[in-house]
Amino acid sequence: MERHFDEELADLKKDLLDMGYLVERAIGNSVEALRTLNSQKAQKVIIEDKVIDECELHIDERSLDLLALRQPMAVDLRFIAMTMKITTDLERMADLAVDIAQRVLELQGAPLLKPLVDIPKLAVLAQDMVRGALDAFVKGDVNLAKKLILRDTEADALRNAVQSELINDYIVKDSSTTSRAVPLLLIARHLERICDHATNIAEDVIYMVEAKVVKHHPEKLKHNT
């Protein structure tokens, strides 16, 4: 019975990783659609979001079945509970990728206001944090989770840089640029929010392994990093 339960947990973990891969791909495709102003790629991100929604429902149902039938305790209980919480964060990340794709569609018909510099950096950071958070979850790696949480300040700095440039160098100086600047402002915000959700997952990893709540308690991250 115990061996079968371990296999069920392994399958649940695989499902979560598969969902994470789809979310990473959606983020990458949405930013690539922005870089090339490719409406077809943007539409693809929007259409494929349904698959990610279905993954979330499948994982939640599977998790609830395990809770009801296996009545897990301690680490196994926290693992299943955190899996359900993480799927919510992943689904919201996918929604943010859709938001980016929709902003790309709004930008159709005109060239980009400026060469993209910080937004691609923010996109790479977002994908790295999503990948790292899932890796930390699968391995139960608390130190990796702590390092990821501390990287959230990088995302904030990049978002702030985008906002400062677009507002001060474009919108304030020439209000006619507003319609092309606002979608870029929103995209930077969407990417920063993806990093926030990756941070949530990293915090869940620490709780799953150590039963320690670090959300809003950065002083708890100073040890063993």
Protein backbone atom coordinates (compact mmCIF):
# COMPACT_ATOMS: atom_id res chain seq x y z
CA MET A 1 0.00 0.00 0.00
CA GLU A 2 2.79 2.42 0.94
CA ARG A 3 4.65 1.73 -2.29
CA HIS A 4 1.51 2.38 -4.32
CA PHE A 5 1.00 5.68 -2.50
CA ASP A 6 4.58 6.70 -3.30
CA GLU A 7 3.87 6.01 -6.97
CA GLU A 8 0.73 8.14 -6.80
CA LEU A 9 2.70 11.00 -5.28
CA ALA A 10 5.34 10.62 -8.01
CA ASP A 11 2.63 10.79 -10.67
CA LEU A 12 1.19 13.91 -9.04
CA LYS A 13 4.63 15.49 -9.06
CA LYS A 14 5.03 14.67 -12.76
CA ASP A 15 1.66 16.23 -13.57
CA LEU A 16 2.73 19.40 -11.79
CA LEU A 17 6.00 19.53 -13.72
CA ASP A 18 4.14 19.03 -17.01
CA MET A 19 1.87 21.95 -16.13
CA GLY A 20 4.91 24.02 -15.19
CA TYR A 21 6.50 23.31 -18.57
CA LEU A 22 3.36 24.53 -20.36
CA VAL A 23 3.35 27.70 -18.29
CA GLU A 24 7.04 28.37 -19.01
CA ARG A 25 6.36 27.91 -22.71
CA ALA A 26 3.37 30.26 -22.60
CA ILE A 27 5.50 32.97 -20.98
CA GLY A 28 8.25 32.52 -23.56
CA ASN A 29 5.82 32.53 -26.48
CA SER A 30 4.04 35.64 -25.24
CA VAL A 31 7.31 37.58 -25.02
CA GLU A 32 8.45 36.27 -28.40
CA ALA A 33 5.12 37.45 -29.82
CA LEU A 34 5.89 40.88 -28.38
CA ARG A 35 9.43 40.96 -29.73
CA THR A 36 8.25 40.15 -33.25
CA LEU A 37 4.76 41.69 -32.96
CA ASN A 38 3.47 38.31 -34.13
CA SER A 39 -0.30 38.22 -33.73
CA GLN A 40 -0.52 34.52 -34.63
CA LYS A 41 1.86 33.56 -31.84
CA ALA A 42 -0.08 35.79 -29.45
CA GLN A 43 -3.34 34.11 -30.44
CA LYS A 44 -1.74 30.71 -29.90
CA VAL A 45 -0.87 31.64 -26.29
CA ILE A 46 -4.48 32.66 -25.71
CA ILE A 47 -5.93 29.49 -27.24
CA GLU A 48 -3.53 27.12 -25.44
CA ASP A 49 -4.44 28.57 -22.05
CA LYS A 50 -7.39 26.19 -22.01
CA VAL A 51 -4.99 23.23 -21.80
CA ILE A 52 -3.33 24.74 -18.72
CA ASP A 53 -6.72 25.30 -17.11
CA GLU A 54 -7.52 21.64 -17.67
CA CYS A 55 -4.19 20.65 -16.09
CA GLU A 56 -5.08 22.64 -12.97
CA LEU A 57 -8.45 20.90 -12.66
CA HIS A 58 -6.90 17.47 -13.18
CA ILE A 59 -4.21 18.03 -10.53
CA ASP A 60 -6.71 19.43 -8.04
CA GLU A 61 -9.04 16.45 -8.51
CA ARG A 62 -6.17 14.01 -8.15
CA SER A 63 -4.95 15.79 -5.01
CA LEU A 64 -8.39 15.74 -3.43
CA ASP A 65 -8.71 12.02 -4.16
CA LEU A 66 -5.37 11.36 -2.42
CA LEU A 67 -6.38 13.43 0.58
CA ALA A 68 -9.69 11.59 0.90
CA LEU A 69 -8.51 8.05 0.18
CA ARG A 70 -5.01 8.03 1.69
CA GLN A 71 -5.42 10.45 4.59
CA PRO A 72 -1.72 11.43 4.44
CA MET A 73 0.14 12.93 7.36
CA ALA A 74 3.10 15.26 7.99
CA VAL A 75 5.30 15.85 4.92
CA ASP A 76 3.00 13.95 2.52
CA LEU A 77 0.02 15.99 3.66
CA ARG A 78 1.92 19.24 3.19
CA PHE A 79 3.16 18.07 -0.23
CA ILE A 80 -0.37 17.45 -1.51
CA ALA A 81 -1.74 20.65 0.01
CA MET A 82 1.11 22.70 -1.49
CA THR A 83 0.64 21.01 -4.86
CA MET A 84 -2.90 22.36 -4.98
CA LYS A 85 -1.70 25.81 -3.98
CA ILE A 86 1.10 25.77 -6.55
CA THR A 87 -1.26 24.84 -9.38
CA THR A 88 -3.22 27.99 -8.55
CA ASP A 89 -0.05 30.07 -8.87
CA LEU A 90 0.84 28.35 -12.15
CA GLU A 91 -2.63 28.94 -13.56
CA ARG A 92 -2.39 32.62 -12.68
CA MET A 93 1.00 32.82 -14.36
CA ALA A 94 -0.57 31.39 -17.50
CA ASP A 95 -3.33 33.99 -17.28
CA LEU A 96 -0.64 36.68 -17.09
CA ALA A 97 0.99 35.23 -20.22
CA VAL A 98 -2.42 35.57 -21.89
CA ASP A 99 -2.57 39.17 -20.69
CA ILE A 100 0.81 39.79 -22.34
CA ALA A 101 -0.46 38.22 -25.57
CA GLN A 102 -3.52 40.46 -25.48
CA ARG A 103 -1.30 43.52 -25.06
CA VAL A 104 0.63 42.36 -28.14
CA LEU A 105 -2.61 42.33 -30.12
CA GLU A 106 -3.26 45.90 -28.94
CA LEU A 107 0.12 46.94 -30.35
CA GLN A 108 -0.64 45.64 -33.85
CA GLY A 109 -0.48 48.17 -36.67
CA ALA A 110 2.38 50.28 -35.34
CA PRO A 111 6.09 49.71 -34.68
CA LEU A 112 7.28 49.24 -31.12
CA LEU A 113 7.79 52.52 -29.32
CA LYS A 114 11.40 51.64 -28.46
CA PRO A 115 13.84 48.74 -28.66
CA LEU A 116 13.09 46.23 -25.93
CA VAL A 117 15.86 45.98 -23.35
CA ASP A 118 14.61 45.49 -19.79
CA ILE A 119 11.39 43.66 -20.71
CA PRO A 120 13.26 40.70 -22.28
CA LYS A 121 15.54 40.62 -19.21
CA LEU A 122 12.46 40.52 -17.01
CA ALA A 123 11.00 37.74 -19.15
CA VAL A 124 14.15 35.64 -18.81
CA LEU A 125 14.14 36.22 -15.05
CA ALA A 126 10.48 35.21 -14.85
CA GLN A 127 11.10 31.95 -16.71
CA ASP A 128 14.21 31.21 -14.62
CA MET A 129 12.26 31.80 -11.41
CA VAL A 130 9.37 29.58 -12.51
CA ARG A 131 11.76 26.80 -13.50
CA GLY A 132 13.80 27.19 -10.32
CA ALA A 133 10.74 27.24 -8.07
CA LEU A 134 9.44 24.00 -9.55
CA ASP A 135 12.90 22.44 -9.29
CA ALA A 136 13.05 23.45 -5.61
CA PHE A 137 9.62 21.93 -5.08
CA VAL A 138 10.46 18.62 -6.71
CA LYS A 139 13.78 18.30 -4.85
CA GLY A 140 12.54 19.79 -1.59
CA ASP A 141 15.48 22.18 -1.86
CA VAL A 142 15.00 24.87 0.78
CA ASN A 143 18.23 26.72 0.00
CA LEU A 144 17.27 27.09 -3.67
CA ALA A 145 13.83 28.29 -2.62
CA LYS A 146 15.37 30.95 -0.37
CA LYS A 147 17.66 32.17 -3.15
CA LEU A 148 14.70 32.49 -5.50
CA ILE A 149 12.73 34.53 -2.99
CA LEU A 150 15.63 36.95 -2.67
CA ARG A 151 15.71 37.36 -6.49
CA ASP A 152 12.25 38.91 -6.47
CA THR A 153 13.90 42.28 -5.85
CA GLU A 154 15.56 41.95 -9.28
CA ALA A 155 12.12 41.69 -10.86
CA ASP A 156 10.92 44.76 -8.99
CA ALA A 157 13.98 46.74 -10.13
CA LEU A 158 13.51 45.79 -13.79
CA ARG A 159 9.81 46.65 -13.69
CA ASN A 160 10.62 50.00 -12.09
CA ALA A 161 13.24 50.71 -14.77
CA VAL A 162 10.70 50.03 -17.53
CA GLN A 163 8.10 52.23 -15.86
CA SER A 164 10.53 55.09 -15.27
CA GLU A 165 11.75 55.11 -18.86
CA LEU A 166 8.35 54.84 -20.50
CA ILE A 167 6.71 57.44 -18.30
CA ASN A 168 9.52 59.98 -18.01
CA ASP A 169 11.15 59.64 -21.43
CA TYR A 170 8.04 59.09 -23.53
CA ILE A 171 4.60 59.75 -22.04
CA VAL A 172 5.56 62.92 -20.16
CA LYS A 173 7.51 64.33 -23.11
CA ASP A 174 5.03 63.35 -25.82
CA SER A 175 1.49 62.34 -24.88
CA SER A 176 0.92 60.90 -28.37
CA THR A 177 3.13 57.96 -27.37
CA THR A 178 0.75 56.91 -24.59
CA SER A 179 -1.21 54.35 -26.62
CA ARG A 180 2.02 52.50 -27.45
CA ALA A 181 3.63 52.96 -24.03
CA VAL A 182 0.78 51.73 -21.84
CA PRO A 183 0.74 48.14 -23.20
CA LEU A 184 4.50 47.93 -22.51
CA LEU A 185 3.95 49.25 -18.98
CA LEU A 186 1.33 46.56 -18.43
CA ILE A 187 3.56 43.83 -19.87
CA ALA A 188 6.33 44.76 -17.43
CA ARG A 189 3.77 44.58 -14.62
CA HIS A 190 2.50 41.19 -15.83
CA LEU A 191 6.03 39.76 -15.90
CA GLU A 192 6.79 41.09 -12.44
CA ARG A 193 3.62 39.44 -11.16
CA ILE A 194 4.78 36.14 -12.67
CA CYS A 195 7.93 36.50 -10.57
CA ASP A 196 5.72 37.14 -7.52
CA HIS A 197 3.91 33.86 -8.14
CA ALA A 198 7.23 32.03 -8.50
CA THR A 199 8.18 33.53 -5.15
CA ASN A 200 4.94 32.18 -3.70
CA ILE A 201 5.92 28.69 -4.85
CA ALA A 202 9.36 29.05 -3.28
CA GLU A 203 7.72 30.06 0.01
CA ASP A 204 5.47 27.00 -0.24
CA VAL A 205 8.55 24.79 -0.65
CA ILE A 206 9.97 26.08 2.62
CA TYR A 207 6.68 25.44 4.37
CA MET A 208 6.39 21.95 2.85
CA VAL A 209 9.86 20.91 3.99
CA GLU A 210 10.31 22.80 7.25
CA ALA A 211 6.72 23.69 8.22
CA LYS A 212 8.02 27.26 8.49
CA VAL A 213 6.11 30.30 7.22
CA VAL A 214 8.49 32.85 5.66
CA LYS A 215 5.95 35.00 3.83
CA HIS A 216 6.33 38.59 5.11
CA HIS A 217 9.24 37.38 7.29
CA PRO A 218 12.44 38.02 5.24
CA GLU A 219 14.59 37.68 8.37
CA LYS A 220 13.92 33.93 8.24
CA LEU A 221 15.73 33.72 4.91
CA LYS A 222 19.08 34.83 6.28
CA HIS A 223 20.06 31.41 7.54
CA ASN A 224 21.40 28.53 5.44
CA THR A 225 21.25 30.42 2.13
